[in-house]
Amino acid sequence: CVRAAAQVLAVLLPLAILLIDGNLAYWHRARRVEFWNQ
């Protein structure tokens, strides 16, 4: 079921990118991840 799994992942990833990875205030300021590393 790779194709179905990939379709689910393709829907899930944009939300994770916007809400989780894109939270620069949390990762850079609170967790001290270098800005360009994030």
Full PDB file with SEQRES, HELIX, SHEET, SSBOND, CRYST1, ORIGX, SCALE, CONECT and MASTER records, all heavy atoms in Angstrom:
SEQRES   1 A   38  CYS VAL ARG ALA ALA ALA GLN VAL LEU ALA VAL LEU LEU          
SEQRES   2 A   38  PRO LEU ALA ILE LEU LEU ILE ASP GLY ASN LEU ALA TYR          
SEQRES   3 A   38  TRP HIS ARG ALA ARG ARG VAL GLU PHE TRP ASN GLN              
HELIX    1 AA1 VAL A    2  ALA A   16  1                                  15    
HELIX    2 AA2 ILE A   17  ASP A   21  3                                   5    
HELIX    3 AA3 LEU A   24  LEU A   24  1                                   1    
HELIX    4 AA4 ALA A   25  ALA A   30  3                                   6    
CRYST1    1.000    1.000    1.000  90.00  90.00  90.00 P 1           1          
ORIGX1      1.000000  0.000000  0.000000        0.00000                         
ORIGX2      0.000000  1.000000  0.000000        0.00000                         
ORIGX3      0.000000  0.000000  1.000000        0.00000                         
SCALE1      1.000000  0.000000  0.000000        0.00000                         
SCALE2      0.000000  1.000000  0.000000        0.00000                         
SCALE3      0.000000  0.000000  1.000000        0.00000                         
ATOM      1  N   CYS A   1       0.832  -1.224   0.000  1.00  0.00           N  
ATOM      2  CA  CYS A   1       0.000   0.000   0.000  1.00  0.00           C  
ATOM      3  C   CYS A   1       0.858   1.261   0.000  1.00  0.00           C  
ATOM      4  O   CYS A   1       0.535   2.248   0.669  1.00  0.00           O  
ATOM      5  CB  CYS A   1      -0.941   0.013   1.202  1.00  0.00           C  
ATOM      6  SG  CYS A   1      -2.038  -1.403   1.317  1.00  0.00           S  
ATOM      7  N   VAL A   2       1.954   1.234  -0.766  1.00  0.00           N  
ATOM      8  CA  VAL A   2       2.888   2.361  -0.773  1.00  0.00           C  
ATOM      9  C   VAL A   2       2.224   3.616  -1.337  1.00  0.00           C  
ATOM     10  O   VAL A   2       2.401   4.719  -0.803  1.00  0.00           O  
ATOM     11  CB  VAL A   2       4.149   2.003  -1.577  1.00  0.00           C  
ATOM     12  CG1 VAL A   2       5.021   3.241  -1.785  1.00  0.00           C  
ATOM     13  CG2 VAL A   2       4.937   0.932  -0.866  1.00  0.00           C  
ATOM     14  N   ARG A   3       1.451   3.444  -2.400  1.00  0.00           N  
ATOM     15  CA  ARG A   3       0.839   4.627  -3.020  1.00  0.00           C  
ATOM     16  C   ARG A   3      -0.142   5.300  -2.065  1.00  0.00           C  
ATOM     17  O   ARG A   3      -0.136   6.531  -1.936  1.00  0.00           O  
ATOM     18  CB  ARG A   3       0.134   4.222  -4.308  1.00  0.00           C  
ATOM     19  CG  ARG A   3      -0.359   5.401  -5.115  1.00  0.00           C  
ATOM     20  CD  ARG A   3      -0.719   4.998  -6.527  1.00  0.00           C  
ATOM     21  NE  ARG A   3      -0.991   6.157  -7.366  1.00  0.00           N  
ATOM     22  CZ  ARG A   3      -1.128   6.099  -8.675  1.00  0.00           C  
ATOM     23  NH1 ARG A   3      -0.976   4.946  -9.305  1.00  0.00           N  
ATOM     24  NH2 ARG A   3      -1.391   7.179  -9.369  1.00  0.00           N  
ATOM     25  N   ALA A   4      -0.955   4.506  -1.375  1.00  0.00           N  
ATOM     26  CA  ALA A   4      -1.897   5.082  -0.409  1.00  0.00           C  
ATOM     27  C   ALA A   4      -1.156   5.742   0.744  1.00  0.00           C  
ATOM     28  O   ALA A   4      -1.529   6.826   1.203  1.00  0.00           O  
ATOM     29  CB  ALA A   4      -2.836   3.989   0.111  1.00  0.00           C  
ATOM     30  N   ALA A   5      -0.085   5.100   1.223  1.00  0.00           N  
ATOM     31  CA  ALA A   5       0.700   5.674   2.313  1.00  0.00           C  
ATOM     32  C   ALA A   5       1.343   6.988   1.885  1.00  0.00           C  
ATOM     33  O   ALA A   5       1.395   7.958   2.654  1.00  0.00           O  
ATOM     34  CB  ALA A   5       1.762   4.680   2.770  1.00  0.00           C  
ATOM     35  N   ALA A   6       1.840   7.025   0.635  1.00  0.00           N  
ATOM     36  CA  ALA A   6       2.453   8.252   0.128  1.00  0.00           C  
ATOM     37  C   ALA A   6       1.426   9.372   0.009  1.00  0.00           C  
ATOM     38  O   ALA A   6       1.737  10.546   0.258  1.00  0.00           O  
ATOM     39  CB  ALA A   6       3.117   7.992  -1.219  1.00  0.00           C  
ATOM     40  N   GLN A   7       0.198   9.035  -0.362  1.00  0.00           N  
ATOM     41  CA  GLN A   7      -0.854  10.044  -0.458  1.00  0.00           C  
ATOM     42  C   GLN A   7      -1.172  10.640   0.923  1.00  0.00           C  
ATOM     43  O   GLN A   7      -1.355  11.853   1.062  1.00  0.00           O  
ATOM     44  CB  GLN A   7      -2.100   9.427  -1.086  1.00  0.00           C  
ATOM     45  CG  GLN A   7      -1.946   9.117  -2.563  1.00  0.00           C  
ATOM     46  CD  GLN A   7      -3.072   8.269  -3.130  1.00  0.00           C  
ATOM     47  OE1 GLN A   7      -3.914   7.767  -2.381  1.00  0.00           O  
ATOM     48  NE2 GLN A   7      -3.106   8.089  -4.442  1.00  0.00           N  
ATOM     49  N   VAL A   8      -1.227   9.776   1.936  1.00  0.00           N  
ATOM     50  CA  VAL A   8      -1.459  10.268   3.302  1.00  0.00           C  
ATOM     51  C   VAL A   8      -0.298  11.154   3.737  1.00  0.00           C  
ATOM     52  O   VAL A   8      -0.492  12.230   4.326  1.00  0.00           O  
ATOM     53  CB  VAL A   8      -1.642   9.089   4.272  1.00  0.00           C  
ATOM     54  CG1 VAL A   8      -1.737   9.593   5.712  1.00  0.00           C  
ATOM     55  CG2 VAL A   8      -2.892   8.294   3.917  1.00  0.00           C  
ATOM     56  N   LEU A   9       0.930  10.706   3.463  1.00  0.00           N  
ATOM     57  CA  LEU A   9       2.106  11.486   3.842  1.00  0.00           C  
ATOM     58  C   LEU A   9       2.146  12.829   3.122  1.00  0.00           C  
ATOM     59  O   LEU A   9       2.536  13.850   3.711  1.00  0.00           O  
ATOM     60  CB  LEU A   9       3.367  10.682   3.530  1.00  0.00           C  
ATOM     61  CG  LEU A   9       4.700  11.289   3.981  1.00  0.00           C  
ATOM     62  CD1 LEU A   9       4.724  11.478   5.492  1.00  0.00           C  
ATOM     63  CD2 LEU A   9       5.869  10.416   3.538  1.00  0.00           C  
ATOM     64  N   ALA A  10       1.717  12.847   1.859  1.00  0.00           N  
ATOM     65  CA  ALA A  10       1.709  14.091   1.093  1.00  0.00           C  
ATOM     66  C   ALA A  10       0.696  15.090   1.645  1.00  0.00           C  
ATOM     67  O   ALA A  10       0.850  16.306   1.469  1.00  0.00           O  
ATOM     68  CB  ALA A  10       1.401  13.794  -0.373  1.00  0.00           C  
ATOM     69  N   VAL A  11      -0.343  14.608   2.306  1.00  0.00           N  
ATOM     70  CA  VAL A  11      -1.307  15.503   2.965  1.00  0.00           C  
ATOM     71  C   VAL A  11      -0.785  15.947   4.331  1.00  0.00           C  
ATOM     72  O   VAL A  11      -0.968  17.101   4.736  1.00  0.00           O  
ATOM     73  CB  VAL A  11      -2.670  14.781   3.113  1.00  0.00           C  
ATOM     74  CG1 VAL A  11      -3.629  15.620   3.954  1.00  0.00           C  
ATOM     75  CG2 VAL A  11      -3.275  14.505   1.744  1.00  0.00           C  
ATOM     76  N   LEU A  12      -0.112  15.043   5.016  1.00  0.00           N  
ATOM     77  CA  LEU A  12       0.350  15.314   6.383  1.00  0.00           C  
ATOM     78  C   LEU A  12       1.538  16.268   6.420  1.00  0.00           C  
ATOM     79  O   LEU A  12       1.620  17.142   7.294  1.00  0.00           O  
ATOM     80  CB  LEU A  12       0.715  13.988   7.048  1.00  0.00           C  
ATOM     81  CG  LEU A  12       1.026  13.986   8.544  1.00  0.00           C  
ATOM     82  CD1 LEU A  12      -0.186  14.449   9.336  1.00  0.00           C  
ATOM     83  CD2 LEU A  12       1.458  12.593   8.986  1.00  0.00           C  
ATOM     84  N   LEU A  13       2.454  16.120   5.467  1.00  0.00           N  
ATOM     85  CA  LEU A  13       3.696  16.889   5.509  1.00  0.00           C  
ATOM     86  C   LEU A  13       3.509  18.407   5.401  1.00  0.00           C  
ATOM     87  O   LEU A  13       4.159  19.147   6.142  1.00  0.00           O  
ATOM     88  CB  LEU A  13       4.655  16.397   4.426  1.00  0.00           C  
ATOM     89  CG  LEU A  13       5.536  15.200   4.807  1.00  0.00           C  
ATOM     90  CD1 LEU A  13       6.346  14.727   3.612  1.00  0.00           C  
ATOM     91  CD2 LEU A  13       6.463  15.561   5.962  1.00  0.00           C  
ATOM     92  N   PRO A  14       2.662  18.914   4.493  1.00  0.00           N  
ATOM     93  CA  PRO A  14       2.507  20.380   4.449  1.00  0.00           C  
ATOM     94  C   PRO A  14       2.039  20.975   5.777  1.00  0.00           C  
ATOM     95  O   PRO A  14       2.489  22.061   6.171  1.00  0.00           O  
ATOM     96  CB  PRO A  14       1.464  20.588   3.348  1.00  0.00           C  
ATOM     97  CG  PRO A  14       1.585  19.399   2.480  1.00  0.00           C  
ATOM     98  CD  PRO A  14       1.913  18.266   3.399  1.00  0.00           C  
ATOM     99  N   LEU A  15       1.157  20.268   6.477  1.00  0.00           N  
ATOM    100  CA  LEU A  15       0.710  20.754   7.791  1.00  0.00           C  
ATOM    101  C   LEU A  15       1.855  20.759   8.783  1.00  0.00           C  
ATOM    102  O   LEU A  15       2.015  21.708   9.567  1.00  0.00           O  
ATOM    103  CB  LEU A  15      -0.433  19.863   8.304  1.00  0.00           C  
ATOM    104  CG  LEU A  15      -1.710  19.854   7.452  1.00  0.00           C  
ATOM    105  CD1 LEU A  15      -2.704  18.843   8.008  1.00  0.00           C  
ATOM    106  CD2 LEU A  15      -2.325  21.247   7.410  1.00  0.00           C  
ATOM    107  N   ALA A  16       2.679  19.691   8.760  1.00  0.00           N  
ATOM    108  CA  ALA A  16       3.822  19.628   9.672  1.00  0.00           C  
ATOM    109  C   ALA A  16       4.849  20.708   9.346  1.00  0.00           C  
ATOM    110  O   ALA A  16       5.445  21.302  10.246  1.00  0.00           O  
ATOM    111  CB  ALA A  16       4.464  18.238   9.594  1.00  0.00           C  
ATOM    112  N   ILE A  17       5.046  20.973   8.054  1.00  0.00           N  
ATOM    113  CA  ILE A  17       6.009  22.005   7.660  1.00  0.00           C  
ATOM    114  C   ILE A  17       5.550  23.378   8.142  1.00  0.00           C  
ATOM    115  O   ILE A  17       6.334  24.160   8.698  1.00  0.00           O  
ATOM    116  CB  ILE A  17       6.201  22.002   6.134  1.00  0.00           C  
ATOM    117  CG1 ILE A  17       6.895  20.710   5.688  1.00  0.00           C  
ATOM    118  CG2 ILE A  17       7.027  23.207   5.682  1.00  0.00           C  
ATOM    119  CD1 ILE A  17       6.903  20.508   4.186  1.00  0.00           C  
ATOM    120  N   LEU A  18       4.266  23.682   7.928  1.00  0.00           N  
ATOM    121  CA  LEU A  18       3.749  25.004   8.291  1.00  0.00           C  
ATOM    122  C   LEU A  18       3.650  25.202   9.807  1.00  0.00           C  
ATOM    123  O   LEU A  18       4.068  26.236  10.337  1.00  0.00           O  
ATOM    124  CB  LEU A  18       2.380  25.212   7.645  1.00  0.00           C  
ATOM    125  CG  LEU A  18       2.367  25.388   6.116  1.00  0.00           C  
ATOM    126  CD1 LEU A  18       0.939  25.413   5.607  1.00  0.00           C  
ATOM    127  CD2 LEU A  18       3.103  26.659   5.714  1.00  0.00           C  
ATOM    128  N   LEU A  19       3.109  24.205  10.495  1.00  0.00           N  
ATOM    129  CA  LEU A  19       2.813  24.381  11.921  1.00  0.00           C  
ATOM    130  C   LEU A  19       3.971  23.993  12.832  1.00  0.00           C  
ATOM    131  O   LEU A  19       4.169  24.624  13.880  1.00  0.00           O  
ATOM    132  CB  LEU A  19       1.581  23.551  12.295  1.00  0.00           C  
ATOM    133  CG  LEU A  19       0.283  23.905  11.563  1.00  0.00           C  
ATOM    134  CD1 LEU A  19      -0.841  22.976  11.992  1.00  0.00           C  
ATOM    135  CD2 LEU A  19      -0.099  25.362  11.833  1.00  0.00           C  
ATOM    136  N   ILE A  20       4.745  22.984  12.449  1.00  0.00           N  
ATOM    137  CA  ILE A  20       5.803  22.494  13.336  1.00  0.00           C  
ATOM    138  C   ILE A  20       7.167  23.040  12.920  1.00  0.00           C  
ATOM    139  O   ILE A  20       7.785  23.822  13.649  1.00  0.00           O  
ATOM    140  CB  ILE A  20       5.822  20.943  13.356  1.00  0.00           C  
ATOM    141  CG1 ILE A  20       4.419  20.397  13.640  1.00  0.00           C  
ATOM    142  CG2 ILE A  20       6.842  20.464  14.399  1.00  0.00           C  
ATOM    143  CD1 ILE A  20       3.818  20.864  14.936  1.00  0.00           C  
ATOM    144  N   ASP A  21       7.637  22.671  11.727  1.00  0.00           N  
ATOM    145  CA  ASP A  21       8.951  23.136  11.283  1.00  0.00           C  
ATOM    146  C   ASP A  21       8.995  24.645  11.099  1.00  0.00           C  
ATOM    147  O   ASP A  21      10.030  25.276  11.323  1.00  0.00           O  
ATOM    148  CB  ASP A  21       9.325  22.453   9.960  1.00  0.00           C  
ATOM    149  CG  ASP A  21       9.600  20.968  10.138  1.00  0.00           C  
ATOM    150  OD1 ASP A  21       9.824  20.554  11.291  1.00  0.00           O  
ATOM    151  OD2 ASP A  21       9.586  20.235   9.140  1.00  0.00           O  
ATOM    152  N   GLY A  22       7.874  25.212  10.677  1.00  0.00           N  
ATOM    153  CA  GLY A  22       7.845  26.652  10.423  1.00  0.00           C  
ATOM    154  C   GLY A  22       7.734  27.516  11.661  1.00  0.00           C  
ATOM    155  O   GLY A  22       7.745  28.748  11.556  1.00  0.00           O  
ATOM    156  N   ASN A  23       7.641  26.899  12.826  1.00  0.00           N  
ATOM    157  CA  ASN A  23       7.553  27.661  14.079  1.00  0.00           C  
ATOM    158  C   ASN A  23       8.952  28.096  14.498  1.00  0.00           C  
ATOM    159  O   ASN A  23       9.559  27.551  15.429  1.00  0.00           O  
ATOM    160  CB  ASN A  23       6.904  26.804  15.166  1.00  0.00           C  
ATOM    161  CG  ASN A  23       6.612  27.588  16.424  1.00  0.00           C  
ATOM    162  OD1 ASN A  23       6.869  28.795  16.499  1.00  0.00           O  
ATOM    163  ND2 ASN A  23       6.066  26.920  17.429  1.00  0.00           N  
ATOM    164  N   LEU A  24       9.484  29.107  13.815  1.00  0.00           N  
ATOM    165  CA  LEU A  24      10.862  29.541  14.051  1.00  0.00           C  
ATOM    166  C   LEU A  24      11.050  30.118  15.445  1.00  0.00           C  
ATOM    167  O   LEU A  24      12.134  30.009  16.030  1.00  0.00           O  
ATOM    168  CB  LEU A  24      11.261  30.568  12.993  1.00  0.00           C  
ATOM    169  CG  LEU A  24      11.287  30.060  11.545  1.00  0.00           C  
ATOM    170  CD1 LEU A  24      11.610  31.182  10.585  1.00  0.00           C  
ATOM    171  CD2 LEU A  24      12.280  28.921  11.387  1.00  0.00           C  
ATOM    172  N   ALA A  25      10.011  30.744  15.977  1.00  0.00           N  
ATOM    173  CA  ALA A  25      10.123  31.305  17.328  1.00  0.00           C  
ATOM    174  C   ALA A  25      10.404  30.200  18.341  1.00  0.00           C  
ATOM    175  O   ALA A  25      11.208  30.387  19.272  1.00  0.00           O  
ATOM    176  CB  ALA A  25       8.843  32.051  17.686  1.00  0.00           C  
ATOM    177  N   TYR A  26       9.787  29.052  18.149  1.00  0.00           N  
ATOM    178  CA  TYR A  26      10.004  27.943  19.084  1.00  0.00           C  
ATOM    179  C   TYR A  26      11.378  27.319  18.892  1.00  0.00           C  
ATOM    180  O   TYR A  26      12.158  27.190  19.851  1.00  0.00           O  
ATOM    181  CB  TYR A  26       8.923  26.886  18.888  1.00  0.00           C  
ATOM    182  CG  TYR A  26       9.146  25.641  19.712  1.00  0.00           C  
ATOM    183  CD1 TYR A  26       8.871  25.626  21.073  1.00  0.00           C  
ATOM    184  CD2 TYR A  26       9.661  24.482  19.128  1.00  0.00           C  
ATOM    185  CE1 TYR A  26       9.091  24.486  21.834  1.00  0.00           C  
ATOM    186  CE2 TYR A  26       9.879  23.343  19.880  1.00  0.00           C  
ATOM    187  CZ  TYR A  26       9.598  23.351  21.230  1.00  0.00           C  
ATOM    188  OH  TYR A  26       9.828  22.212  21.967  1.00  0.00           O  
ATOM    189  N   TRP A  27      11.707  26.942  17.648  1.00  0.00           N  
ATOM    190  CA  TRP A  27      12.955  26.214  17.422  1.00  0.00           C  
ATOM    191  C   TRP A  27      14.174  27.106  17.593  1.00  0.00           C  
ATOM    192  O   TRP A  27      15.174  26.687  18.201  1.00  0.00           O  
ATOM    193  CB  TRP A  27      12.957  25.603  16.021  1.00  0.00           C  
ATOM    194  CG  TRP A  27      11.922  24.545  15.834  1.00  0.00           C  
ATOM    195  CD1 TRP A  27      10.813  24.613  15.044  1.00  0.00           C  
ATOM    196  CD2 TRP A  27      11.865  23.261  16.471  1.00  0.00           C  
ATOM    197  NE1 TRP A  27      10.080  23.465  15.140  1.00  0.00           N  
ATOM    198  CE2 TRP A  27      10.695  22.608  16.006  1.00  0.00           C  
ATOM    199  CE3 TRP A  27      12.685  22.604  17.386  1.00  0.00           C  
ATOM    200  CZ2 TRP A  27      10.348  21.329  16.424  1.00  0.00           C  
ATOM    201  CZ3 TRP A  27      12.333  21.322  17.809  1.00  0.00           C  
ATOM    202  CH2 TRP A  27      11.179  20.708  17.330  1.00  0.00           C  
ATOM    203  N   HIS A  28      14.133  28.324  17.069  1.00  0.00           N  
ATOM    204  CA  HIS A  28      15.323  29.181  17.097  1.00  0.00           C  
ATOM    205  C   HIS A  28      15.495  29.881  18.441  1.00  0.00           C  
ATOM    206  O   HIS A  28      16.604  29.903  18.993  1.00  0.00           O  
ATOM    207  CB  HIS A  28      15.225  30.208  15.971  1.00  0.00           C  
ATOM    208  CG  HIS A  28      16.387  31.155  15.914  1.00  0.00           C  
ATOM    209  ND1 HIS A  28      17.699  30.727  15.836  1.00  0.00           N  
ATOM    210  CD2 HIS A  28      16.438  32.516  15.930  1.00  0.00           C  
ATOM    211  CE1 HIS A  28      18.508  31.786  15.815  1.00  0.00           C  
ATOM    212  NE2 HIS A  28      17.763  32.873  15.866  1.00  0.00           N  
ATOM    213  N   ARG A  29      14.421  30.410  18.969  1.00  0.00           N  
ATOM    214  CA  ARG A  29      14.550  31.185  20.205  1.00  0.00           C  
ATOM    215  C   ARG A  29      14.483  30.320  21.456  1.00  0.00           C  
ATOM    216  O   ARG A  29      15.300  30.462  22.375  1.00  0.00           O  
ATOM    217  CB  ARG A  29      13.467  32.256  20.259  1.00  0.00           C  
ATOM    218  CG  ARG A  29      13.587  33.294  19.143  1.00  0.00           C  
ATOM    219  CD  ARG A  29      12.419  34.261  19.162  1.00  0.00           C  
ATOM    220  NE  ARG A  29      12.406  35.117  17.972  1.00  0.00           N  
ATOM    221  CZ  ARG A  29      11.398  35.900  17.636  1.00  0.00           C  
ATOM    222  NH1 ARG A  29      10.305  35.952  18.395  1.00  0.00           N  
ATOM    223  NH2 ARG A  29      11.457  36.649  16.543  1.00  0.00           N  
ATOM    224  N   ALA A  30      13.517  29.425  21.505  1.00  0.00           N  
ATOM    225  CA  ALA A  30      13.333  28.612  22.711  1.00  0.00           C  
ATOM    226  C   ALA A  30      14.292  27.425  22.758  1.00  0.00           C  
ATOM    227  O   ALA A  30      14.819  27.090  23.821  1.00  0.00           O  
ATOM    228  CB  ALA A  30      11.886  28.131  22.808  1.00  0.00           C  
ATOM    229  N   ARG A  31      14.527  26.775  21.610  1.00  0.00           N  
ATOM    230  CA  ARG A  31      15.361  25.563  21.594  1.00  0.00           C  
ATOM    231  C   ARG A  31      16.765  25.811  21.063  1.00  0.00           C  
ATOM    232  O   ARG A  31      17.556  24.876  20.949  1.00  0.00           O  
ATOM    233  CB  ARG A  31      14.670  24.470  20.763  1.00  0.00           C  
ATOM    234  CG  ARG A  31      13.357  24.007  21.379  1.00  0.00           C  
ATOM    235  CD  ARG A  31      13.567  23.493  22.789  1.00  0.00           C  
ATOM    236  NE  ARG A  31      12.311  23.214  23.473  1.00  0.00           N  
ATOM    237  CZ  ARG A  31      12.239  22.853  24.744  1.00  0.00           C  
ATOM    238  NH1 ARG A  31      13.339  22.730  25.460  1.00  0.00           N  
ATOM    239  NH2 ARG A  31      11.066  22.627  25.315  1.00  0.00           N  
ATOM    240  N   ARG A  32      17.083  27.035  20.714  1.00  0.00           N  
ATOM    241  CA  ARG A  32      18.432  27.436  20.315  1.00  0.00           C  
ATOM    242  C   ARG A  32      18.941  26.699  19.080  1.00  0.00           C  
ATOM    243  O   ARG A  32      20.146  26.455  18.953  1.00  0.00           O  
ATOM    244  CB  ARG A  32      19.425  27.224  21.476  1.00  0.00           C  
ATOM    245  CG  ARG A  32      19.053  27.948  22.752  1.00  0.00           C  
ATOM    246  CD  ARG A  32      19.037  29.436  22.551  1.00  0.00           C  
ATOM    247  NE  ARG A  32      18.689  30.158  23.782  1.00  0.00           N  
ATOM    248  CZ  ARG A  32      18.463  31.470  23.821  1.00  0.00           C  
ATOM    249  NH1 ARG A  32      18.553  32.191  22.712  1.00  0.00           N  
ATOM    250  NH2 ARG A  32      18.141  32.067  24.955  1.00  0.00           N  
ATOM    251  N   VAL A  33      18.041  26.325  18.187  1.00  0.00           N  
ATOM    252  CA  VAL A  33      18.473  25.772  16.905  1.00  0.00           C  
ATOM    253  C   VAL A  33      18.909  26.936  16.024  1.00  0.00           C  
ATOM    254  O   VAL A  33      18.202  27.948  15.930  1.00  0.00           O  
ATOM    255  CB  VAL A  33      17.334  24.984  16.228  1.00  0.00           C  
ATOM    256  CG1 VAL A  33      17.785  24.441  14.873  1.00  0.00           C  
ATOM    257  CG2 VAL A  33      16.872  23.853  17.125  1.00  0.00           C  
ATOM    258  N   GLU A  34      20.069  26.818  15.408  1.00  0.00           N  
ATOM    259  CA  GLU A  34      20.543  27.899  14.552  1.00  0.00           C  
ATOM    260  C   GLU A  34      19.506  28.189  13.460  1.00  0.00           C  
ATOM    261  O   GLU A  34      18.900  27.265  12.909  1.00  0.00           O  
ATOM    262  CB  GLU A  34      21.879  27.504  13.917  1.00  0.00           C  
ATOM    263  CG  GLU A  34      22.991  27.392  14.946  1.00  0.00           C  
ATOM    264  CD  GLU A  34      24.113  26.476  14.481  1.00  0.00           C  
ATOM    265  OE1 GLU A  34      23.792  25.363  14.027  1.00  0.00           O  
ATOM    266  OE2 GLU A  34      25.274  26.878  14.572  1.00  0.00           O  
ATOM    267  N   PHE A  35      19.322  29.474  13.182  1.00  0.00           N  
ATOM    268  CA  PHE A  35      18.261  29.885  12.263  1.00  0.00           C  
ATOM    269  C   PHE A  35      18.387  29.179  10.918  1.00  0.00           C  
ATOM    270  O   PHE A  35      17.414  28.602  10.415  1.00  0.00           O  
ATOM    271  CB  PHE A  35      18.297  31.399  12.063  1.00  0.00           C  
ATOM    272  CG  PHE A  35      17.268  31.908  11.089  1.00  0.00           C  
ATOM    273  CD1 PHE A  35      15.964  32.124  11.488  1.00  0.00           C  
ATOM    274  CD2 PHE A  35      17.605  32.144   9.755  1.00  0.00           C  
ATOM    275  CE1 PHE A  35      15.004  32.585  10.589  1.00  0.00           C  
ATOM    276  CE2 PHE A  35      16.659  32.599   8.856  1.00  0.00           C  
ATOM    277  CZ  PHE A  35      15.356  32.824   9.278  1.00  0.00           C  
ATOM    278  N   TRP A  36      19.583  29.204  10.323  1.00  0.00           N  
ATOM    279  CA  TRP A  36      19.726  28.628   8.995  1.00  0.00           C  
ATOM    280  C   TRP A  36      19.802  27.112   9.029  1.00  0.00           C  
ATOM    281  O   TRP A  36      19.563  26.458   8.015  1.00  0.00           O  
ATOM    282  CB  TRP A  36      20.926  29.241   8.273  1.00  0.00           C  
ATOM    283  CG  TRP A  36      20.581  30.595   7.756  1.00  0.00           C  
ATOM    284  CD1 TRP A  36      20.956  31.799   8.263  1.00  0.00           C  
ATOM    285  CD2 TRP A  36      19.706  30.879   6.657  1.00  0.00           C  
ATOM    286  NE1 TRP A  36      20.383  32.815   7.541  1.00  0.00           N  
ATOM    287  CE2 TRP A  36      19.621  32.287   6.547  1.00  0.00           C  
ATOM    288  CE3 TRP A  36      19.003  30.092   5.752  1.00  0.00           C  
ATOM    289  CZ2 TRP A  36      18.845  32.902   5.572  1.00  0.00           C  
ATOM    290  CZ3 TRP A  36      18.234  30.709   4.777  1.00  0.00           C  
ATOM    291  CH2 TRP A  36      18.164  32.098   4.683  1.00  0.00           C  
ATOM    292  N   ASN A  37      20.092  26.558  10.177  1.00  0.00           N  
ATOM    293  CA  ASN A  37      19.976  25.106  10.311  1.00  0.00           C  
ATOM    294  C   ASN A  37      18.499  24.698  10.277  1.00  0.00           C  
ATOM    295  O   ASN A  37      18.129  23.707   9.631  1.00  0.00           O  
ATOM    296  CB  ASN A  37      20.617  24.641  11.612  1.00  0.00           C  
ATOM    297  CG  ASN A  37      20.854  23.143  11.639  1.00  0.00           C  
ATOM    298  OD1 ASN A  37      20.745  22.460  10.628  1.00  0.00           O  
ATOM    299  ND2 ASN A  37      21.176  22.613  12.802  1.00  0.00           N  
ATOM    300  N   GLN A  38      17.657  25.476  10.949  1.00  0.00           N  
ATOM    301  CA  GLN A  38      16.221  25.200  10.902  1.00  0.00           C  
ATOM    302  C   GLN A  38      15.660  25.423   9.504  1.00  0.00           C  
ATOM    303  O   GLN A  38      14.794  24.656   9.047  1.00  0.00           O  
ATOM    304  CB  GLN A  38      15.485  26.083  11.913  1.00  0.00           C  
ATOM    305  CG  GLN A  38      13.988  25.841  12.003  1.00  0.00           C  
ATOM    306  CD  GLN A  38      13.634  24.424  12.407  1.00  0.00           C  
ATOM    307  OE1 GLN A  38      14.410  23.758  13.080  1.00  0.00           O  
ATOM    308  NE2 GLN A  38      12.471  23.963  12.003  1.00  0.00           N  
TER     309      GLN A  38                                                      
MASTER        0    0    0    4    0    0    0    6  308    1    0    3          
END                                                                             
